[in-house]
Amino acid sequence: MMLELIHQAALHNYELSTMAYEEAGDPEAFLKRIETLASDACLFLGCSERTFEQLRTSLAMPVAHLYPNFTPDPEGVAAVDTDNAQVMHLLMEHLCGLGHTRIAMLHGQNSAATYTVHQEERIDAFLHELQQRGLPVSSRYVVYGGFDVDNGYAGARSLLELPERRRPTAIVANDYNAPGIYQVAQELGLSIPRDLSVT
């Protein structure tokens, strides 16, 4: 998403400064940095409700939230979001078109610290797509993989150590836990994409 944002900014001759903000960071210093840049507007990408409200209410400029991790109050806030059901439909269409019938998902939905509306929608859409296509629906194939390599590794190991006839041939992941899948596949001698597709 960030690469597309940078591409579109260049295409329309906008100046774009990208910065990261950690919720435990110093909001005053971050706001001062934004004000020093004399920006015309601020785009938030995937930040929490707390961070969004903390920064939005302090900025004296228009704001838009891209890919929010919550449902923003529509009053005065522009938000652009992802249609998770449609994305999952297209993804499953692609995987099934490649011949996959045992498809698993490493999700990030675990506790209040990692709960997001998007994860909820993706899990529901994944299960719906499996049912619609008559594919195996099993708790064994829907595994916590978190948003880091270690949890991705643990989740992938539980999937890829299944007997070969039950082992998934494709895993739906996120960009944070996917490296853990690659690591397990390498350790087990599985080739990507010959033996396993990772999306």
N, C-alpha and C. Protein backbone atom coordinates (compact mmCIF):
# COMPACT_ATOMS: atom_id res chain seq x y z
N MET A 1 0.82 -1.19 0.00
CA MET A 1 0.00 0.00 0.00
C MET A 1 0.87 1.25 0.00
N MET A 2 1.95 1.24 0.79
CA MET A 2 2.81 2.41 0.87
C MET A 2 3.47 2.70 -0.48
N LEU A 3 3.91 1.67 -1.19
CA LEU A 3 4.53 1.87 -2.50
C LEU A 3 3.54 2.48 -3.48
N GLU A 4 2.29 2.03 -3.43
CA GLU A 4 1.27 2.59 -4.32
C GLU A 4 0.99 4.05 -3.96
N LEU A 5 0.99 4.36 -2.67
CA LEU A 5 0.78 5.74 -2.22
C LEU A 5 1.90 6.64 -2.74
N ILE A 6 3.12 6.18 -2.64
CA ILE A 6 4.28 6.94 -3.14
C ILE A 6 4.18 7.11 -4.65
N HIS A 7 3.78 6.05 -5.35
CA HIS A 7 3.62 6.11 -6.80
C HIS A 7 2.55 7.13 -7.20
N GLN A 8 1.39 7.08 -6.53
CA GLN A 8 0.31 8.01 -6.85
C GLN A 8 0.70 9.46 -6.55
N ALA A 9 1.41 9.67 -5.46
CA ALA A 9 1.87 11.02 -5.12
C ALA A 9 2.77 11.56 -6.23
N ALA A 10 3.70 10.76 -6.71
CA ALA A 10 4.60 11.18 -7.79
C ALA A 10 3.82 11.42 -9.07
N LEU A 11 2.86 10.55 -9.36
CA LEU A 11 2.05 10.66 -10.57
C LEU A 11 1.29 11.98 -10.62
N HIS A 12 0.82 12.45 -9.46
CA HIS A 12 0.02 13.67 -9.38
C HIS A 12 0.84 14.88 -8.91
N ASN A 13 2.16 14.70 -8.87
CA ASN A 13 3.07 15.78 -8.51
C ASN A 13 2.84 16.32 -7.09
N TYR A 14 2.54 15.42 -6.15
CA TYR A 14 2.43 15.79 -4.75
C TYR A 14 3.75 15.52 -4.05
N GLU A 15 4.07 16.32 -3.09
CA GLU A 15 5.21 16.03 -2.24
C GLU A 15 4.71 15.16 -1.10
N LEU A 16 5.46 14.12 -0.77
CA LEU A 16 5.03 13.19 0.25
C LEU A 16 6.19 12.89 1.19
N SER A 17 5.98 13.15 2.46
CA SER A 17 6.96 12.79 3.48
C SER A 17 6.37 11.66 4.31
N THR A 18 7.08 10.55 4.41
CA THR A 18 6.56 9.44 5.19
C THR A 18 7.32 9.34 6.52
N MET A 19 6.56 9.11 7.58
CA MET A 19 7.14 8.98 8.91
C MET A 19 6.40 7.91 9.68
N ALA A 20 7.11 7.24 10.56
CA ALA A 20 6.50 6.23 11.41
C ALA A 20 6.34 6.79 12.82
N TYR A 21 5.27 6.34 13.46
CA TYR A 21 5.01 6.79 14.84
C TYR A 21 4.69 5.57 15.68
N GLU A 22 5.34 5.45 16.80
CA GLU A 22 5.08 4.36 17.75
C GLU A 22 4.16 4.89 18.83
N GLU A 23 3.12 4.13 19.15
CA GLU A 23 2.12 4.58 20.12
C GLU A 23 2.75 4.96 21.46
N ALA A 24 3.83 4.30 21.83
CA ALA A 24 4.50 4.61 23.09
C ALA A 24 5.48 5.78 22.94
N GLY A 25 5.53 6.36 21.74
CA GLY A 25 6.46 7.44 21.48
C GLY A 25 6.01 8.78 22.05
N ASP A 26 6.70 9.82 21.62
CA ASP A 26 6.46 11.17 22.10
C ASP A 26 5.56 11.91 21.10
N PRO A 27 4.26 12.03 21.39
CA PRO A 27 3.35 12.65 20.41
C PRO A 27 3.69 14.12 20.15
N GLU A 28 4.15 14.84 21.16
CA GLU A 28 4.48 16.26 20.96
C GLU A 28 5.61 16.42 19.94
N ALA A 29 6.64 15.59 20.08
CA ALA A 29 7.78 15.66 19.15
C ALA A 29 7.34 15.30 17.73
N PHE A 30 6.47 14.31 17.62
CA PHE A 30 6.00 13.89 16.31
C PHE A 30 5.15 14.99 15.67
N LEU A 31 4.26 15.59 16.46
CA LEU A 31 3.43 16.68 15.94
C LEU A 31 4.28 17.87 15.53
N LYS A 32 5.30 18.17 16.30
CA LYS A 32 6.19 19.29 15.97
C LYS A 32 6.88 19.03 14.64
N ARG A 33 7.30 17.79 14.41
CA ARG A 33 7.94 17.42 13.15
C ARG A 33 6.98 17.65 11.98
N ILE A 34 5.72 17.25 12.15
CA ILE A 34 4.73 17.43 11.09
C ILE A 34 4.51 18.92 10.82
N GLU A 35 4.37 19.69 11.88
CA GLU A 35 4.15 21.14 11.72
C GLU A 35 5.35 21.82 11.08
N THR A 36 6.56 21.37 11.39
CA THR A 36 7.77 21.95 10.81
C THR A 36 7.80 21.73 9.30
N LEU A 37 7.25 20.63 8.84
CA LEU A 37 7.22 20.33 7.41
C LEU A 37 6.21 21.20 6.66
N ALA A 38 5.38 21.92 7.37
CA ALA A 38 4.36 22.80 6.77
C ALA A 38 3.51 22.06 5.73
N SER A 39 3.00 20.91 6.14
CA SER A 39 2.20 20.08 5.24
C SER A 39 0.80 20.66 5.04
N ASP A 40 0.19 20.30 3.92
CA ASP A 40 -1.18 20.72 3.64
C ASP A 40 -2.20 19.76 4.22
N ALA A 41 -1.80 18.52 4.39
CA ALA A 41 -2.71 17.49 4.90
C ALA A 41 -1.88 16.35 5.48
N CYS A 42 -2.57 15.48 6.22
CA CYS A 42 -1.88 14.35 6.84
C CYS A 42 -2.68 13.08 6.55
N LEU A 43 -1.98 12.05 6.07
CA LEU A 43 -2.58 10.74 5.82
C LEU A 43 -2.08 9.78 6.88
N PHE A 44 -2.99 9.12 7.55
CA PHE A 44 -2.63 8.10 8.53
C PHE A 44 -2.79 6.75 7.86
N LEU A 45 -1.85 5.87 8.09
CA LEU A 45 -1.91 4.54 7.48
C LEU A 45 -1.91 3.48 8.56
N GLY A 46 -3.06 2.82 8.74
CA GLY A 46 -3.15 1.66 9.62
C GLY A 46 -2.81 1.89 11.08
N CYS A 47 -3.11 3.04 11.62
CA CYS A 47 -2.77 3.26 13.03
C CYS A 47 -3.96 2.92 13.94
N SER A 48 -3.67 2.81 15.21
CA SER A 48 -4.71 2.45 16.17
C SER A 48 -5.65 3.63 16.41
N GLU A 49 -6.78 3.34 17.02
CA GLU A 49 -7.76 4.39 17.33
C GLU A 49 -7.16 5.41 18.29
N ARG A 50 -6.42 4.93 19.28
CA ARG A 50 -5.81 5.83 20.26
C ARG A 50 -4.83 6.80 19.59
N THR A 51 -3.94 6.25 18.76
CA THR A 51 -2.96 7.09 18.06
C THR A 51 -3.66 8.07 17.13
N PHE A 52 -4.64 7.57 16.39
CA PHE A 52 -5.35 8.42 15.44
C PHE A 52 -6.00 9.60 16.14
N GLU A 53 -6.73 9.32 17.20
CA GLU A 53 -7.40 10.41 17.93
C GLU A 53 -6.40 11.35 18.59
N GLN A 54 -5.34 10.80 19.13
CA GLN A 54 -4.32 11.61 19.79
C GLN A 54 -3.70 12.61 18.81
N LEU A 55 -3.39 12.15 17.62
CA LEU A 55 -2.74 13.02 16.64
C LEU A 55 -3.74 13.89 15.88
N ARG A 56 -4.87 13.30 15.49
CA ARG A 56 -5.85 14.03 14.68
C ARG A 56 -6.35 15.28 15.39
N THR A 57 -6.64 15.14 16.67
CA THR A 57 -7.21 16.27 17.40
C THR A 57 -6.20 17.38 17.63
N SER A 58 -4.93 17.07 17.46
CA SER A 58 -3.89 18.08 17.67
C SER A 58 -3.42 18.73 16.38
N LEU A 59 -3.82 18.21 15.24
CA LEU A 59 -3.36 18.75 13.96
C LEU A 59 -4.33 19.80 13.44
N ALA A 60 -3.78 20.88 12.95
CA ALA A 60 -4.62 21.94 12.38
C ALA A 60 -4.59 21.83 10.86
N MET A 61 -4.95 20.65 10.36
CA MET A 61 -4.96 20.41 8.91
C MET A 61 -5.89 19.25 8.61
N PRO A 62 -6.32 19.12 7.36
CA PRO A 62 -7.18 17.99 7.00
C PRO A 62 -6.44 16.67 7.18
N VAL A 63 -7.17 15.64 7.60
CA VAL A 63 -6.58 14.32 7.78
C VAL A 63 -7.44 13.27 7.08
N ALA A 64 -6.80 12.21 6.63
CA ALA A 64 -7.50 11.05 6.07
C ALA A 64 -6.82 9.82 6.64
N HIS A 65 -7.61 8.78 6.88
CA HIS A 65 -7.08 7.55 7.44
C HIS A 65 -7.20 6.45 6.40
N LEU A 66 -6.05 5.93 5.98
CA LEU A 66 -6.02 4.83 5.03
C LEU A 66 -5.85 3.53 5.79
N TYR A 67 -6.69 2.58 5.48
CA TYR A 67 -6.61 1.26 6.08
C TYR A 67 -6.61 1.32 7.61
N PRO A 68 -7.66 1.89 8.18
CA PRO A 68 -7.72 2.00 9.65
C PRO A 68 -7.90 0.65 10.32
N ASN A 69 -7.37 0.51 11.52
CA ASN A 69 -7.53 -0.71 12.31
C ASN A 69 -8.77 -0.64 13.20
N PHE A 70 -9.66 0.27 12.89
CA PHE A 70 -10.90 0.43 13.65
C PHE A 70 -11.87 1.17 12.73
N THR A 71 -13.10 1.35 13.17
CA THR A 71 -14.08 2.10 12.38
C THR A 71 -14.09 3.54 12.86
N PRO A 72 -13.51 4.46 12.06
CA PRO A 72 -13.46 5.85 12.51
C PRO A 72 -14.83 6.49 12.58
N ASP A 73 -14.97 7.46 13.47
CA ASP A 73 -16.18 8.27 13.54
C ASP A 73 -16.26 9.04 12.22
N PRO A 74 -17.35 8.86 11.47
CA PRO A 74 -17.41 9.48 10.14
C PRO A 74 -17.44 11.01 10.17
N GLU A 75 -17.74 11.61 11.29
CA GLU A 75 -17.82 13.07 11.40
C GLU A 75 -16.46 13.71 11.14
N GLY A 76 -16.31 14.30 9.97
CA GLY A 76 -15.10 15.05 9.68
C GLY A 76 -13.86 14.21 9.42
N VAL A 77 -14.01 12.90 9.26
CA VAL A 77 -12.85 12.05 9.01
C VAL A 77 -13.06 11.28 7.71
N ALA A 78 -12.12 11.45 6.79
CA ALA A 78 -12.15 10.68 5.56
C ALA A 78 -11.37 9.40 5.80
N ALA A 79 -11.95 8.27 5.42
CA ALA A 79 -11.26 6.99 5.60
C ALA A 79 -11.37 6.16 4.32
N VAL A 80 -10.28 5.53 3.94
CA VAL A 80 -10.25 4.62 2.80
C VAL A 80 -9.86 3.26 3.35
N ASP A 81 -10.69 2.26 3.08
CA ASP A 81 -10.47 0.96 3.69
C ASP A 81 -10.43 -0.13 2.63
N THR A 82 -10.14 -1.34 3.07
CA THR A 82 -10.04 -2.51 2.20
C THR A 82 -11.31 -3.34 2.32
N ASP A 83 -11.78 -3.86 1.19
CA ASP A 83 -12.90 -4.80 1.20
C ASP A 83 -12.32 -6.19 1.41
N ASN A 84 -12.20 -6.60 2.67
CA ASN A 84 -11.54 -7.86 3.00
C ASN A 84 -12.24 -9.07 2.41
N ALA A 85 -13.55 -9.04 2.31
CA ALA A 85 -14.28 -10.17 1.73
C ALA A 85 -13.93 -10.32 0.25
N GLN A 86 -13.88 -9.21 -0.47
CA GLN A 86 -13.55 -9.27 -1.90
C GLN A 86 -12.10 -9.68 -2.12
N VAL A 87 -11.21 -9.17 -1.28
CA VAL A 87 -9.79 -9.55 -1.38
C VAL A 87 -9.65 -11.05 -1.16
N MET A 88 -10.31 -11.57 -0.14
CA MET A 88 -10.21 -13.01 0.15
C MET A 88 -10.82 -13.83 -0.98
N HIS A 89 -11.92 -13.33 -1.55
CA HIS A 89 -12.54 -14.03 -2.68
C HIS A 89 -11.56 -14.14 -3.84
N LEU A 90 -10.91 -13.04 -4.18
CA LEU A 90 -9.95 -13.04 -5.30
C LEU A 90 -8.75 -13.92 -4.99
N LEU A 91 -8.30 -13.87 -3.77
CA LEU A 91 -7.15 -14.67 -3.35
C LEU A 91 -7.46 -16.17 -3.44
N MET A 92 -8.62 -16.56 -2.92
CA MET A 92 -9.00 -17.97 -2.95
C MET A 92 -9.27 -18.44 -4.39
N GLU A 93 -9.82 -17.56 -5.20
CA GLU A 93 -10.04 -17.88 -6.61
C GLU A 93 -8.70 -18.20 -7.27
N HIS A 94 -7.70 -17.39 -6.96
CA HIS A 94 -6.36 -17.60 -7.52
C HIS A 94 -5.75 -18.91 -7.02
N LEU A 95 -5.80 -19.14 -5.71
CA LEU A 95 -5.21 -20.36 -5.15
C LEU A 95 -5.91 -21.61 -5.67
N CYS A 96 -7.23 -21.58 -5.73
CA CYS A 96 -7.97 -22.72 -6.25
C CYS A 96 -7.68 -22.93 -7.74
N GLY A 97 -7.50 -21.83 -8.46
CA GLY A 97 -7.14 -21.91 -9.87
C GLY A 97 -5.79 -22.58 -10.08
N LEU A 98 -4.92 -22.50 -9.09
CA LEU A 98 -3.62 -23.17 -9.14
C LEU A 98 -3.73 -24.64 -8.73
N GLY A 99 -4.93 -25.04 -8.28
CA GLY A 99 -5.15 -26.44 -7.92
C GLY A 99 -5.09 -26.75 -6.43
N HIS A 100 -4.98 -25.73 -5.60
CA HIS A 100 -4.92 -25.97 -4.16
C HIS A 100 -6.29 -26.38 -3.61
N THR A 101 -6.27 -27.39 -2.76
CA THR A 101 -7.51 -27.81 -2.09
C THR A 101 -7.35 -27.85 -0.57
N ARG A 102 -6.12 -27.82 -0.08
CA ARG A 102 -5.86 -27.76 1.37
C ARG A 102 -5.19 -26.42 1.66
N ILE A 103 -6.01 -25.45 2.03
CA ILE A 103 -5.53 -24.08 2.23
C ILE A 103 -5.69 -23.71 3.70
N ALA A 104 -4.63 -23.20 4.29
CA ALA A 104 -4.64 -22.81 5.70
C ALA A 104 -4.46 -21.31 5.83
N MET A 105 -4.72 -20.82 7.04
CA MET A 105 -4.57 -19.39 7.30
C MET A 105 -3.83 -19.18 8.62
N LEU A 106 -2.80 -18.34 8.57
CA LEU A 106 -2.14 -17.87 9.79
C LEU A 106 -2.67 -16.46 10.05
N HIS A 107 -3.45 -16.29 11.09
CA HIS A 107 -4.06 -14.99 11.37
C HIS A 107 -3.37 -14.34 12.57
N GLY A 108 -3.73 -13.09 12.81
CA GLY A 108 -3.12 -12.35 13.92
C GLY A 108 -4.07 -12.07 15.06
N GLN A 109 -5.24 -12.69 15.03
CA GLN A 109 -6.26 -12.42 16.03
C GLN A 109 -6.00 -13.25 17.29
N ASN A 110 -5.52 -12.61 18.34
CA ASN A 110 -5.18 -13.39 19.53
C ASN A 110 -5.76 -12.79 20.80
N SER A 111 -5.41 -11.57 21.09
CA SER A 111 -5.86 -10.94 22.34
C SER A 111 -6.15 -9.48 22.05
N ALA A 112 -6.45 -8.73 23.08
CA ALA A 112 -6.75 -7.30 22.89
C ALA A 112 -5.58 -6.58 22.24
N ALA A 113 -4.37 -7.08 22.47
CA ALA A 113 -3.19 -6.41 21.92
C ALA A 113 -3.09 -6.55 20.41
N THR A 114 -3.65 -7.62 19.84
CA THR A 114 -3.54 -7.82 18.39
C THR A 114 -4.90 -7.93 17.70
N TYR A 115 -5.97 -7.68 18.40
CA TYR A 115 -7.31 -7.78 17.81
C TYR A 115 -7.52 -6.61 16.84
N THR A 116 -7.91 -6.93 15.62
CA THR A 116 -8.28 -5.88 14.67
C THR A 116 -9.55 -6.30 13.94
N VAL A 117 -10.31 -5.32 13.52
CA VAL A 117 -11.52 -5.58 12.73
C VAL A 117 -11.13 -6.29 11.44
N HIS A 118 -10.02 -5.88 10.83
CA HIS A 118 -9.59 -6.48 9.57
C HIS A 118 -9.31 -7.98 9.72
N GLN A 119 -8.66 -8.37 10.81
CA GLN A 119 -8.38 -9.78 11.03
C GLN A 119 -9.69 -10.56 11.16
N GLU A 120 -10.63 -9.99 11.89
CA GLU A 120 -11.94 -10.63 12.07
C GLU A 120 -12.62 -10.84 10.72
N GLU A 121 -12.63 -9.81 9.90
CA GLU A 121 -13.26 -9.89 8.58
C GLU A 121 -12.55 -10.91 7.70
N ARG A 122 -11.22 -10.95 7.77
CA ARG A 122 -10.47 -11.89 6.93
C ARG A 122 -10.72 -13.34 7.34
N ILE A 123 -10.76 -13.59 8.63
CA ILE A 123 -11.04 -14.96 9.09
C ILE A 123 -12.42 -15.39 8.62
N ASP A 124 -13.43 -14.54 8.81
CA ASP A 124 -14.79 -14.86 8.38
C ASP A 124 -14.85 -15.09 6.87
N ALA A 125 -14.18 -14.22 6.11
CA ALA A 125 -14.18 -14.34 4.66
C ALA A 125 -13.46 -15.61 4.21
N PHE A 126 -12.37 -15.95 4.88
CA PHE A 126 -11.62 -17.17 4.57
C PHE A 126 -12.50 -18.40 4.77
N LEU A 127 -13.17 -18.48 5.94
CA LEU A 127 -14.05 -19.61 6.23
C LEU A 127 -15.21 -19.68 5.24
N HIS A 128 -15.76 -18.53 4.90
CA HIS A 128 -16.86 -18.47 3.93
C HIS A 128 -16.40 -19.01 2.57
N GLU A 129 -15.21 -18.59 2.13
CA GLU A 129 -14.71 -19.04 0.83
C GLU A 129 -14.44 -20.54 0.82
N LEU A 130 -13.92 -21.07 1.92
CA LEU A 130 -13.71 -22.52 1.99
C LEU A 130 -15.04 -23.26 1.85
N GLN A 131 -16.06 -22.79 2.60
CA GLN A 131 -17.38 -23.43 2.55
C GLN A 131 -17.99 -23.34 1.15
N GLN A 132 -17.90 -22.17 0.54
CA GLN A 132 -18.48 -21.97 -0.80
C GLN A 132 -17.84 -22.89 -1.83
N ARG A 133 -16.57 -23.21 -1.63
CA ARG A 133 -15.84 -24.02 -2.61
C ARG A 133 -15.79 -25.50 -2.24
N GLY A 134 -16.46 -25.85 -1.11
CA GLY A 134 -16.48 -27.24 -0.68
C GLY A 134 -15.12 -27.76 -0.24
N LEU A 135 -14.27 -26.87 0.25
CA LEU A 135 -12.93 -27.26 0.70
C LEU A 135 -12.95 -27.57 2.19
N PRO A 136 -11.97 -28.33 2.68
CA PRO A 136 -11.93 -28.69 4.10
C PRO A 136 -11.93 -27.47 5.01
N VAL A 137 -12.86 -27.45 5.96
CA VAL A 137 -12.92 -26.39 6.97
C VAL A 137 -12.58 -27.04 8.30
N SER A 138 -11.45 -26.66 8.86
CA SER A 138 -10.99 -27.29 10.09
C SER A 138 -10.24 -26.29 10.94
N SER A 139 -10.42 -26.39 12.25
CA SER A 139 -9.66 -25.51 13.14
C SER A 139 -8.17 -25.78 13.01
N ARG A 140 -7.81 -26.95 12.53
CA ARG A 140 -6.41 -27.29 12.31
C ARG A 140 -5.80 -26.36 11.26
N TYR A 141 -6.61 -25.85 10.32
CA TYR A 141 -6.11 -25.02 9.23
C TYR A 141 -6.25 -23.52 9.49
N VAL A 142 -6.78 -23.14 10.62
CA VAL A 142 -6.91 -21.72 10.98
C VAL A 142 -6.13 -21.53 12.28
N VAL A 143 -4.92 -21.01 12.16
CA VAL A 143 -3.95 -21.03 13.24
C VAL A 143 -3.44 -19.62 13.52
N TYR A 144 -3.20 -19.35 14.80
CA TYR A 144 -2.62 -18.06 15.18
C TYR A 144 -1.18 -17.98 14.69
N GLY A 145 -0.88 -16.90 13.98
CA GLY A 145 0.48 -16.66 13.49
C GLY A 145 1.01 -15.31 13.87
N GLY A 146 0.18 -14.51 14.55
CA GLY A 146 0.62 -13.22 15.05
C GLY A 146 1.08 -12.25 13.98
N PHE A 147 1.86 -11.30 14.41
CA PHE A 147 2.41 -10.27 13.52
C PHE A 147 3.92 -10.22 13.69
N ASP A 148 4.55 -11.38 13.79
CA ASP A 148 6.00 -11.41 13.87
C ASP A 148 6.50 -12.76 13.38
N VAL A 149 7.79 -12.84 13.16
CA VAL A 149 8.40 -14.04 12.60
C VAL A 149 8.26 -15.24 13.54
N ASP A 150 8.48 -15.03 14.85
CA ASP A 150 8.44 -16.15 15.80
C ASP A 150 7.07 -16.81 15.87
N ASN A 151 6.02 -16.01 15.95
CA ASN A 151 4.67 -16.59 15.97
C ASN A 151 4.32 -17.21 14.62
N GLY A 152 4.79 -16.59 13.54
CA GLY A 152 4.58 -17.18 12.22
C GLY A 152 5.27 -18.53 12.10
N TYR A 153 6.46 -18.61 12.66
CA TYR A 153 7.22 -19.86 12.65
C TYR A 153 6.47 -20.94 13.43
N ALA A 154 6.01 -20.62 14.63
CA ALA A 154 5.30 -21.60 15.46
C ALA A 154 4.02 -22.06 14.77
N GLY A 155 3.27 -21.11 14.22
CA GLY A 155 2.02 -21.47 13.53
C GLY A 155 2.28 -22.32 12.30
N ALA A 156 3.29 -21.93 11.52
CA ALA A 156 3.62 -22.68 10.30
C ALA A 156 4.10 -24.09 10.64
N ARG A 157 4.87 -24.23 11.71
CA ARG A 157 5.37 -25.55 12.10
C ARG A 157 4.20 -26.47 12.42
N SER A 158 3.17 -25.94 13.13
CA SER A 158 2.02 -26.78 13.47
C SER A 158 1.27 -27.23 12.21
N LEU A 159 1.32 -26.42 11.15
CA LEU A 159 0.65 -26.77 9.90
C LEU A 159 1.49 -27.70 9.03
N LEU A 160 2.76 -27.36 8.90
CA LEU A 160 3.61 -28.07 7.94
C LEU A 160 4.17 -29.39 8.46
N GLU A 161 4.01 -29.65 9.75
CA GLU A 161 4.41 -30.94 10.30
C GLU A 161 3.26 -31.95 10.27
N LEU A 162 2.11 -31.55 9.75
CA LEU A 162 1.01 -32.50 9.57
C LEU A 162 1.44 -33.58 8.58
N PRO A 163 0.84 -34.77 8.65
CA PRO A 163 1.16 -35.79 7.64
C PRO A 163 0.94 -35.23 6.23
N GLU A 164 1.75 -35.67 5.29
CA GLU A 164 1.74 -35.09 3.94
C GLU A 164 0.34 -35.05 3.31
N ARG A 165 -0.46 -36.08 3.53
CA ARG A 165 -1.80 -36.10 2.91
C ARG A 165 -2.75 -35.08 3.53
N ARG A 166 -2.40 -34.52 4.71
CA ARG A 166 -3.24 -33.50 5.35
C ARG A 166 -2.56 -32.13 5.40
N ARG A 167 -1.28 -32.10 5.09
CA ARG A 167 -0.53 -30.85 5.16
C ARG A 167 -1.07 -29.86 4.12
N PRO A 168 -1.25 -28.58 4.52
CA PRO A 168 -1.73 -27.60 3.54
C PRO A 168 -0.72 -27.39 2.41
N THR A 169 -1.26 -27.11 1.25
CA THR A 169 -0.39 -26.80 0.10
C THR A 169 -0.32 -25.30 -0.13
N ALA A 170 -1.14 -24.55 0.61
CA ALA A 170 -1.11 -23.08 0.53
C ALA A 170 -1.43 -22.51 1.90
N ILE A 171 -0.76 -21.41 2.24
CA ILE A 171 -1.02 -20.72 3.50
C ILE A 171 -1.25 -19.24 3.23
N VAL A 172 -2.36 -18.75 3.73
CA VAL A 172 -2.66 -17.32 3.68
C VAL A 172 -2.05 -16.71 4.95
N ALA A 173 -1.21 -15.71 4.78
CA ALA A 173 -0.46 -15.15 5.91
C ALA A 173 -0.50 -13.63 5.85
N ASN A 174 0.31 -12.99 6.69
CA ASN A 174 0.51 -11.55 6.57
C ASN A 174 2.00 -11.28 6.38
N ASP A 175 2.34 -10.07 6.02
CA ASP A 175 3.74 -9.79 5.69
C ASP A 175 4.66 -9.88 6.90
N TYR A 176 4.11 -9.90 8.10
CA TYR A 176 4.94 -10.01 9.30
C TYR A 176 5.25 -11.46 9.66
N ASN A 177 4.27 -12.35 9.50
CA ASN A 177 4.51 -13.74 9.89
C ASN A 177 4.97 -14.63 8.75
N ALA A 178 4.87 -14.16 7.52
CA ALA A 178 5.28 -14.97 6.37
C ALA A 178 6.74 -15.44 6.43
N PRO A 179 7.69 -14.61 6.87
CA PRO A 179 9.07 -15.12 6.94
C PRO A 179 9.21 -16.36 7.83
N GLY A 180 8.39 -16.48 8.86
CA GLY A 180 8.41 -17.67 9.70
C GLY A 180 7.99 -18.90 8.92
N ILE A 181 7.05 -18.74 7.99
CA ILE A 181 6.61 -19.85 7.14
C ILE A 181 7.76 -20.29 6.24
N TYR A 182 8.46 -19.32 5.64
CA TYR A 182 9.59 -19.63 4.76
C TYR A 182 10.66 -20.41 5.52
N GLN A 183 10.90 -20.01 6.75
CA GLN A 183 11.92 -20.66 7.56
C GLN A 183 11.56 -22.13 7.83
N VAL A 184 10.31 -22.37 8.24
CA VAL A 184 9.87 -23.74 8.51
C VAL A 184 9.92 -24.57 7.22
N ALA A 185 9.46 -24.01 6.12
CA ALA A 185 9.47 -24.74 4.85
C ALA A 185 10.89 -25.16 4.49
N GLN A 186 11.83 -24.25 4.67
CA GLN A 186 13.23 -24.57 4.37
C GLN A 186 13.75 -25.70 5.27
N GLU A 187 13.44 -25.60 6.55
CA GLU A 187 13.88 -26.63 7.50
C GLU A 187 13.30 -28.01 7.19
N LEU A 188 12.06 -28.02 6.66
CA LEU A 188 11.40 -29.30 6.35
C LEU A 188 11.67 -29.77 4.91
N GLY A 189 12.47 -28.99 4.19
CA GLY A 189 12.82 -29.37 2.81
C GLY A 189 11.70 -29.16 1.82
N LEU A 190 10.77 -28.24 2.13
CA LEU A 190 9.66 -27.94 1.22
C LEU A 190 10.05 -26.77 0.33
N SER A 191 9.73 -26.89 -0.93
CA SER A 191 10.05 -25.83 -1.89
C SER A 191 8.85 -24.91 -2.08
N ILE A 192 9.12 -23.61 -2.09
CA ILE A 192 8.09 -22.60 -2.39
C ILE A 192 8.42 -22.05 -3.78
N PRO A 193 7.54 -22.15 -4.76
CA PRO A 193 6.12 -22.52 -4.67
C PRO A 193 5.80 -23.96 -5.08
N ARG A 194 6.81 -24.82 -5.35
CA ARG A 194 6.51 -26.17 -5.83
C ARG A 194 5.66 -26.95 -4.84
N ASP A 195 6.04 -26.96 -3.55
CA ASP A 195 5.34 -27.73 -2.54
C ASP A 195 4.33 -26.90 -1.75
N LEU A 196 4.55 -25.59 -1.73
CA LEU A 196 3.74 -24.73 -0.87
C LEU A 196 3.64 -23.34 -1.46
N SER A 197 2.42 -22.81 -1.51
CA SER A 197 2.22 -21.41 -1.90
C SER A 197 2.00 -20.59 -0.63
N VAL A 198 2.60 -19.41 -0.58
CA VAL A 198 2.42 -18.50 0.56
C VAL A 198 1.92 -17.18 0.02
N THR A 199 0.78 -16.73 0.55
CA THR A 199 0.23 -15.46 0.10
C THR A 199 0.12 -14.51 1.27
